[in-house]
Amino acid sequence: MKSTDPYGNLPGGKKSVICVLAILMMMFLADPSSAMADKVSYTAWREGSAAGETTIFSVVSEGTTYTGTCARQGVAMSPSGTAAVSKISNNSKVAKLVYHYAIELGGSNWWTSGHKTDKVGTILGMPSDDATNVTKRAMIECFCQIYNMGASSWYSTITNPNSGGMATDTAARIRDFYQNEDVSNISVPGGFEIWYADAGNAQPFILWAYNPVGYVKVKKKSGGTSITG
């Protein structure tokens, strides 16, 4: 007698088919970092002024919009171009700092919220916020530069009048903030990706995106209860 189960010709019947569908769905929802091309086109511009000026980069790759900022002080920015990208580990300090301050803080984040231009004097241990013109958004740029350049090289470059001109006390406080910030309790989710972008002779940058990993529920529905159970 022929089986009336449409899945009966497969090992395990309908349960096997459902398992295969689940595996395919998991593959489809895999790490979004695989969507980034090896080489990307970018645009860049500057926002703010004085010590609060921040270089902003934007990349659209495989349908995802990435934002980013300068990774090397003292190198000229190109307003557009191409860059080769390489993944930065989500376990790195820069990934944890960028995720926390640019994403996790939500409506108070330092990158896109209304607080991005707040001055950081008291955060750096100064008497008042206005004791420096460095903004919260500019701090994220400093994090990316320090990660890429190393603290010593960043400090000497950004305090040089020809390549930065930042006050030595302010630069030392930012450097110490980065080095002393405890990121052990920051957990970066799988949907967050962060990349280093090499733009050749132009300014390199670090860019990121956050696409929360979701779950898709497949609801089986059929007129035959022998199929859907």
C-alpha atoms as a PDB file:
ATOM      1  CA  MET A   1       0.000   0.000   0.000  1.00  0.00           C
ATOM      2  CA  LYS A   2       1.243   3.466  -0.865  1.00  0.00           C
ATOM      3  CA  SER A   3       1.847   5.856   1.980  1.00  0.00           C
ATOM      4  CA  THR A   4      -0.584   8.772   2.107  1.00  0.00           C
ATOM      5  CA  ASP A   5       2.040  10.834   3.893  1.00  0.00           C
ATOM      6  CA  PRO A   6       3.551  13.173   1.235  1.00  0.00           C
ATOM      7  CA  TYR A   7       6.801  13.110   3.199  1.00  0.00           C
ATOM      8  CA  GLY A   8       6.816   9.349   3.679  1.00  0.00           C
ATOM      9  CA  ASN A   9       9.368   8.736   0.963  1.00  0.00           C
ATOM     10  CA  LEU A  10      11.992  10.585   2.987  1.00  0.00           C
ATOM     11  CA  PRO A  11      13.850   9.188   5.987  1.00  0.00           C
ATOM     12  CA  GLY A  12      12.048  10.396   9.080  1.00  0.00           C
ATOM     13  CA  GLY A  13       9.008  11.628   7.144  1.00  0.00           C
ATOM     14  CA  LYS A  14       7.631  15.112   7.771  1.00  0.00           C
ATOM     15  CA  LYS A  15       9.893  15.638  10.808  1.00  0.00           C
ATOM     16  CA  SER A  16      12.954  15.421   8.555  1.00  0.00           C
ATOM     17  CA  VAL A  17      11.514  17.987   6.167  1.00  0.00           C
ATOM     18  CA  ILE A  18      10.796  20.381   9.014  1.00  0.00           C
ATOM     19  CA  CYS A  19      14.348  19.919  10.335  1.00  0.00           C
ATOM     20  CA  VAL A  20      15.817  20.612   6.880  1.00  0.00           C
ATOM     21  CA  LEU A  21      13.724  23.782   6.595  1.00  0.00           C
ATOM     22  CA  ALA A  22      14.947  24.895  10.020  1.00  0.00           C
ATOM     23  CA  ILE A  23      18.588  24.301   9.057  1.00  0.00           C
ATOM     24  CA  LEU A  24      18.179  26.237   5.811  1.00  0.00           C
ATOM     25  CA  MET A  25      16.573  29.108   7.714  1.00  0.00           C
ATOM     26  CA  MET A  26      19.451  29.154  10.201  1.00  0.00           C
ATOM     27  CA  MET A  27      21.921  29.306   7.320  1.00  0.00           C
ATOM     28  CA  PHE A  28      19.995  32.197   5.816  1.00  0.00           C
ATOM     29  CA  LEU A  29      20.139  34.063   9.135  1.00  0.00           C
ATOM     30  CA  ALA A  30      23.822  33.342   9.676  1.00  0.00           C
ATOM     31  CA  ASP A  31      26.407  35.917  10.697  1.00  0.00           C
ATOM     32  CA  PRO A  32      25.604  39.052   8.643  1.00  0.00           C
ATOM     33  CA  SER A  33      29.334  39.830   8.381  1.00  0.00           C
ATOM     34  CA  SER A  34      29.446  37.479   5.419  1.00  0.00           C
ATOM     35  CA  ALA A  35      27.436  40.079   3.489  1.00  0.00           C
ATOM     36  CA  MET A  36      30.257  42.637   3.395  1.00  0.00           C
ATOM     37  CA  ALA A  37      32.143  42.812   0.107  1.00  0.00           C
ATOM     38  CA  ASP A  38      35.961  42.577   0.153  1.00  0.00           C
ATOM     39  CA  LYS A  39      36.219  46.071  -1.318  1.00  0.00           C
ATOM     40  CA  VAL A  40      33.678  48.821  -0.792  1.00  0.00           C
ATOM     41  CA  SER A  41      32.878  52.293  -2.065  1.00  0.00           C
ATOM     42  CA  TYR A  42      32.538  55.020   0.543  1.00  0.00           C
ATOM     43  CA  THR A  43      31.655  58.657   1.047  1.00  0.00           C
ATOM     44  CA  ALA A  44      33.030  60.844   3.825  1.00  0.00           C
ATOM     45  CA  TRP A  45      32.517  64.285   5.300  1.00  0.00           C
ATOM     46  CA  ARG A  46      33.298  66.297   8.419  1.00  0.00           C
ATOM     47  CA  GLU A  47      30.843  67.490  11.026  1.00  0.00           C
ATOM     48  CA  GLY A  48      31.421  69.836  13.955  1.00  0.00           C
ATOM     49  CA  SER A  49      34.287  72.226  14.533  1.00  0.00           C
ATOM     50  CA  ALA A  50      37.513  72.633  16.486  1.00  0.00           C
ATOM     51  CA  ALA A  51      38.189  69.701  18.837  1.00  0.00           C
ATOM     52  CA  GLY A  52      34.622  68.487  18.289  1.00  0.00           C
ATOM     53  CA  GLU A  53      35.071  67.975  14.553  1.00  0.00           C
ATOM     54  CA  THR A  54      34.468  64.365  13.543  1.00  0.00           C
ATOM     55  CA  THR A  55      35.021  62.622  10.229  1.00  0.00           C
ATOM     56  CA  ILE A  56      32.018  60.524   9.212  1.00  0.00           C
ATOM     57  CA  PHE A  57      32.199  57.671   6.706  1.00  0.00           C
ATOM     58  CA  SER A  58      29.300  55.875   5.061  1.00  0.00           C
ATOM     59  CA  VAL A  59      29.294  52.585   3.167  1.00  0.00           C
ATOM     60  CA  VAL A  60      26.406  50.658   1.667  1.00  0.00           C
ATOM     61  CA  SER A  61      27.271  47.016   1.014  1.00  0.00           C
ATOM     62  CA  GLU A  62      24.896  44.179   0.150  1.00  0.00           C
ATOM     63  CA  GLY A  63      21.899  46.181   1.329  1.00  0.00           C
ATOM     64  CA  THR A  64      23.390  47.161   4.712  1.00  0.00           C
ATOM     65  CA  THR A  65      24.382  50.730   5.563  1.00  0.00           C
ATOM     66  CA  TYR A  66      27.559  51.027   7.612  1.00  0.00           C
ATOM     67  CA  THR A  67      28.769  54.148   9.376  1.00  0.00           C
ATOM     68  CA  GLY A  68      32.273  54.862  10.557  1.00  0.00           C
ATOM     69  CA  THR A  69      35.011  57.291  11.437  1.00  0.00           C
ATOM     70  CA  CYS A  70      38.699  58.030  10.960  1.00  0.00           C
ATOM     71  CA  ALA A  71      41.219  55.443  12.137  1.00  0.00           C
ATOM     72  CA  ARG A  72      44.447  57.429  11.653  1.00  0.00           C
ATOM     73  CA  GLN A  73      45.061  60.974  12.789  1.00  0.00           C
ATOM     74  CA  GLY A  74      47.109  63.164  10.460  1.00  0.00           C
ATOM     75  CA  VAL A  75      46.105  61.521   7.150  1.00  0.00           C
ATOM     76  CA  ALA A  76      44.016  63.493   4.655  1.00  0.00           C
ATOM     77  CA  MET A  77      40.427  62.372   4.152  1.00  0.00           C
ATOM     78  CA  SER A  78      39.046  61.712   0.679  1.00  0.00           C
ATOM     79  CA  PRO A  79      35.352  62.620   0.277  1.00  0.00           C
ATOM     80  CA  SER A  80      34.813  59.411  -1.691  1.00  0.00           C
ATOM     81  CA  GLY A  81      36.732  56.382  -2.853  1.00  0.00           C
ATOM     82  CA  THR A  82      37.153  52.655  -2.409  1.00  0.00           C
ATOM     83  CA  ALA A  83      38.621  50.718   0.484  1.00  0.00           C
ATOM     84  CA  ALA A  84      39.590  47.127   1.219  1.00  0.00           C
ATOM     85  CA  VAL A  85      37.939  45.901   4.401  1.00  0.00           C
ATOM     86  CA  SER A  86      38.901  43.340   7.016  1.00  0.00           C
ATOM     87  CA  LYS A  87      36.835  42.139   9.967  1.00  0.00           C
ATOM     88  CA  ILE A  88      37.650  43.261  13.504  1.00  0.00           C
ATOM     89  CA  SER A  89      36.818  40.800  16.260  1.00  0.00           C
ATOM     90  CA  ASN A  90      33.757  41.565  18.357  1.00  0.00           C
ATOM     91  CA  ASN A  91      35.908  40.588  21.339  1.00  0.00           C
ATOM     92  CA  SER A  92      38.317  43.478  20.724  1.00  0.00           C
ATOM     93  CA  LYS A  93      38.276  46.525  22.967  1.00  0.00           C
ATOM     94  CA  VAL A  94      37.352  48.871  20.132  1.00  0.00           C
ATOM     95  CA  ALA A  95      34.367  46.688  19.182  1.00  0.00           C
ATOM     96  CA  LYS A  96      33.095  46.744  22.748  1.00  0.00           C
ATOM     97  CA  LEU A  97      33.594  50.490  23.135  1.00  0.00           C
ATOM     98  CA  VAL A  98      31.974  51.349  19.810  1.00  0.00           C
ATOM     99  CA  TYR A  99      29.066  48.986  20.419  1.00  0.00           C
ATOM    100  CA  HIS A 100      28.466  50.363  23.911  1.00  0.00           C
ATOM    101  CA  TYR A 101      28.801  54.072  23.180  1.00  0.00           C
ATOM    102  CA  ALA A 102      27.424  54.150  19.615  1.00  0.00           C
ATOM    103  CA  ILE A 103      24.666  51.530  19.879  1.00  0.00           C
ATOM    104  CA  GLU A 104      23.902  50.101  23.315  1.00  0.00           C
ATOM    105  CA  LEU A 105      23.209  53.441  24.990  1.00  0.00           C
ATOM    106  CA  GLY A 106      20.202  53.843  22.719  1.00  0.00           C
ATOM    107  CA  GLY A 107      18.671  57.312  22.886  1.00  0.00           C
ATOM    108  CA  SER A 108      21.716  58.559  24.802  1.00  0.00           C
ATOM    109  CA  ASN A 109      24.330  57.108  22.459  1.00  0.00           C
ATOM    110  CA  TRP A 110      27.358  59.174  21.532  1.00  0.00           C
ATOM    111  CA  TRP A 111      27.163  58.741  17.749  1.00  0.00           C
ATOM    112  CA  THR A 112      23.690  59.592  16.441  1.00  0.00           C
ATOM    113  CA  SER A 113      21.594  60.841  19.343  1.00  0.00           C
ATOM    114  CA  GLY A 114      21.025  64.441  20.389  1.00  0.00           C
ATOM    115  CA  HIS A 115      23.843  63.947  22.907  1.00  0.00           C
ATOM    116  CA  LYS A 116      26.519  63.397  20.246  1.00  0.00           C
ATOM    117  CA  THR A 117      27.681  67.022  20.455  1.00  0.00           C
ATOM    118  CA  ASP A 118      27.725  67.136  24.258  1.00  0.00           C
ATOM    119  CA  LYS A 119      31.154  68.145  25.534  1.00  0.00           C
ATOM    120  CA  VAL A 120      33.014  65.628  27.669  1.00  0.00           C
ATOM    121  CA  GLY A 121      34.935  67.721  30.186  1.00  0.00           C
ATOM    122  CA  THR A 122      33.486  66.090  33.300  1.00  0.00           C
ATOM    123  CA  ILE A 123      33.729  62.624  31.725  1.00  0.00           C
ATOM    124  CA  LEU A 124      37.459  63.261  31.359  1.00  0.00           C
ATOM    125  CA  GLY A 125      37.753  64.462  34.965  1.00  0.00           C
ATOM    126  CA  MET A 126      37.796  68.195  34.201  1.00  0.00           C
ATOM    127  CA  PRO A 127      35.964  70.775  36.342  1.00  0.00           C
ATOM    128  CA  SER A 128      33.106  71.204  33.820  1.00  0.00           C
ATOM    129  CA  ASP A 129      31.861  69.844  30.497  1.00  0.00           C
ATOM    130  CA  ASP A 130      32.895  73.043  28.758  1.00  0.00           C
ATOM    131  CA  ALA A 131      36.493  72.675  29.918  1.00  0.00           C
ATOM    132  CA  THR A 132      37.085  70.999  26.542  1.00  0.00           C
ATOM    133  CA  ASN A 133      35.555  71.295  23.073  1.00  0.00           C
ATOM    134  CA  VAL A 134      35.864  67.541  22.520  1.00  0.00           C
ATOM    135  CA  THR A 135      32.420  66.022  22.013  1.00  0.00           C
ATOM    136  CA  LYS A 136      31.046  62.557  22.692  1.00  0.00           C
ATOM    137  CA  ARG A 137      30.998  61.816  18.969  1.00  0.00           C
ATOM    138  CA  ALA A 138      34.640  62.910  18.652  1.00  0.00           C
ATOM    139  CA  MET A 139      35.517  60.548  21.509  1.00  0.00           C
ATOM    140  CA  ILE A 140      34.383  57.589  19.415  1.00  0.00           C
ATOM    141  CA  GLU A 141      36.693  58.767  16.644  1.00  0.00           C
ATOM    142  CA  CYS A 142      39.538  58.925  19.162  1.00  0.00           C
ATOM    143  CA  PHE A 143      38.771  55.355  20.297  1.00  0.00           C
ATOM    144  CA  CYS A 144      39.087  54.131  16.710  1.00  0.00           C
ATOM    145  CA  GLN A 145      42.323  56.034  16.141  1.00  0.00           C
ATOM    146  CA  ILE A 146      43.933  54.856  19.379  1.00  0.00           C
ATOM    147  CA  TYR A 147      42.989  51.244  18.605  1.00  0.00           C
ATOM    148  CA  ASN A 148      44.527  51.461  15.143  1.00  0.00           C
ATOM    149  CA  MET A 149      47.568  53.650  15.842  1.00  0.00           C
ATOM    150  CA  GLY A 150      48.447  52.656  19.376  1.00  0.00           C
ATOM    151  CA  ALA A 151      48.157  55.061  22.303  1.00  0.00           C
ATOM    152  CA  SER A 152      51.674  56.497  22.083  1.00  0.00           C
ATOM    153  CA  SER A 153      51.607  57.185  18.349  1.00  0.00           C
ATOM    154  CA  TRP A 154      48.109  58.652  18.558  1.00  0.00           C
ATOM    155  CA  TYR A 155      49.086  60.981  21.422  1.00  0.00           C
ATOM    156  CA  SER A 156      52.212  62.315  19.683  1.00  0.00           C
ATOM    157  CA  THR A 157      50.345  62.800  16.393  1.00  0.00           C
ATOM    158  CA  ILE A 158      47.234  64.510  17.715  1.00  0.00           C
ATOM    159  CA  THR A 159      49.176  66.915  19.936  1.00  0.00           C
ATOM    160  CA  ASN A 160      51.498  67.909  17.074  1.00  0.00           C
ATOM    161  CA  PRO A 161      50.432  71.350  15.751  1.00  0.00           C
ATOM    162  CA  ASN A 162      50.913  70.124  12.186  1.00  0.00           C
ATOM    163  CA  SER A 163      48.765  67.003  12.505  1.00  0.00           C
ATOM    164  CA  GLY A 164      46.213  67.701  15.206  1.00  0.00           C
ATOM    165  CA  GLY A 165      46.977  70.483  17.643  1.00  0.00           C
ATOM    166  CA  MET A 166      45.002  69.026  20.533  1.00  0.00           C
ATOM    167  CA  ALA A 167      46.010  70.261  24.009  1.00  0.00           C
ATOM    168  CA  THR A 168      48.376  67.811  25.645  1.00  0.00           C
ATOM    169  CA  ASP A 169      46.299  67.590  28.841  1.00  0.00           C
ATOM    170  CA  THR A 170      43.127  66.807  26.896  1.00  0.00           C
ATOM    171  CA  ALA A 171      44.854  64.207  24.729  1.00  0.00           C
ATOM    172  CA  ALA A 172      46.367  62.552  27.803  1.00  0.00           C
ATOM    173  CA  ARG A 173      42.944  62.346  29.448  1.00  0.00           C
ATOM    174  CA  ILE A 174      41.369  60.784  26.341  1.00  0.00           C
ATOM    175  CA  ARG A 175      44.239  58.317  26.040  1.00  0.00           C
ATOM    176  CA  ASP A 176      43.882  57.363  29.710  1.00  0.00           C
ATOM    177  CA  PHE A 177      40.096  57.055  29.369  1.00  0.00           C
ATOM    178  CA  TYR A 178      40.529  54.575  26.528  1.00  0.00           C
ATOM    179  CA  GLN A 179      43.222  52.586  28.296  1.00  0.00           C
ATOM    180  CA  ASN A 180      41.452  52.490  31.660  1.00  0.00           C
ATOM    181  CA  GLU A 181      37.908  51.831  30.459  1.00  0.00           C
ATOM    182  CA  ASP A 182      36.809  48.409  31.728  1.00  0.00           C
ATOM    183  CA  VAL A 183      34.992  46.572  28.932  1.00  0.00           C
ATOM    184  CA  SER A 184      34.846  43.164  30.627  1.00  0.00           C
ATOM    185  CA  ASN A 185      31.104  43.487  31.251  1.00  0.00           C
ATOM    186  CA  ILE A 186      30.237  44.648  27.725  1.00  0.00           C
ATOM    187  CA  SER A 187      28.831  41.804  25.657  1.00  0.00           C
ATOM    188  CA  VAL A 188      28.741  42.470  21.923  1.00  0.00           C
ATOM    189  CA  PRO A 189      25.876  40.619  20.196  1.00  0.00           C
ATOM    190  CA  GLY A 190      26.339  38.616  17.021  1.00  0.00           C
ATOM    191  CA  GLY A 191      24.339  41.101  14.970  1.00  0.00           C
ATOM    192  CA  PHE A 192      27.031  43.760  15.454  1.00  0.00           C
ATOM    193  CA  GLU A 193      29.856  43.903  12.920  1.00  0.00           C
ATOM    194  CA  ILE A 194      32.901  46.149  12.874  1.00  0.00           C
ATOM    195  CA  TRP A 195      35.486  46.477  10.104  1.00  0.00           C
ATOM    196  CA  TYR A 196      38.804  48.168   9.346  1.00  0.00           C
ATOM    197  CA  ALA A 197      38.866  49.894   5.958  1.00  0.00           C
ATOM    198  CA  ASP A 198      42.161  50.538   4.135  1.00  0.00           C
ATOM    199  CA  ALA A 199      41.626  53.387   1.659  1.00  0.00           C
ATOM    200  CA  GLY A 200      45.142  53.329   0.212  1.00  0.00           C
ATOM    201  CA  ASN A 201      46.745  56.791   0.324  1.00  0.00           C
ATOM    202  CA  ALA A 202      43.616  58.323   1.836  1.00  0.00           C
ATOM    203  CA  GLN A 203      42.488  58.251   5.442  1.00  0.00           C
ATOM    204  CA  PRO A 204      41.703  54.733   6.715  1.00  0.00           C
ATOM    205  CA  PHE A 205      38.592  54.257   8.796  1.00  0.00           C
ATOM    206  CA  ILE A 206      36.663  51.892  11.025  1.00  0.00           C
ATOM    207  CA  LEU A 207      33.018  51.237  10.246  1.00  0.00           C
ATOM    208  CA  TRP A 208      30.223  49.301  11.868  1.00  0.00           C
ATOM    209  CA  ALA A 209      26.591  48.239  11.617  1.00  0.00           C
ATOM    210  CA  TYR A 210      24.128  46.553  13.936  1.00  0.00           C
ATOM    211  CA  ASN A 211      21.457  44.260  12.564  1.00  0.00           C
ATOM    212  CA  PRO A 212      19.920  42.325  15.453  1.00  0.00           C
ATOM    213  CA  VAL A 213      19.789  38.626  14.645  1.00  0.00           C
ATOM    214  CA  GLY A 214      16.140  37.611  14.563  1.00  0.00           C
ATOM    215  CA  TYR A 215      14.279  34.365  14.577  1.00  0.00           C
ATOM    216  CA  VAL A 216      11.672  33.341  12.042  1.00  0.00           C
ATOM    217  CA  LYS A 217       8.854  31.102  13.171  1.00  0.00           C
ATOM    218  CA  VAL A 218       7.396  28.885  10.460  1.00  0.00           C
ATOM    219  CA  LYS A 219       3.764  28.140  11.202  1.00  0.00           C
ATOM    220  CA  LYS A 220       2.589  24.957   9.503  1.00  0.00           C
ATOM    221  CA  LYS A 221      -0.970  25.179   8.233  1.00  0.00           C
ATOM    222  CA  SER A 222      -2.854  22.681   6.123  1.00  0.00           C
ATOM    223  CA  GLY A 223      -6.338  21.361   5.664  1.00  0.00           C
ATOM    224  CA  GLY A 224      -5.030  17.907   6.482  1.00  0.00           C
ATOM    225  CA  THR A 225      -4.253  17.402  10.153  1.00  0.00           C
ATOM    226  CA  SER A 226      -2.259  14.319   9.225  1.00  0.00           C
ATOM    227  CA  ILE A 227       0.300  16.701   7.723  1.00  0.00           C
ATOM    228  CA  THR A 228       0.340  19.627  10.159  1.00  0.00           C
ATOM    229  CA  GLY A 229      -0.482  17.696  13.301  1.00  0.00           C
END
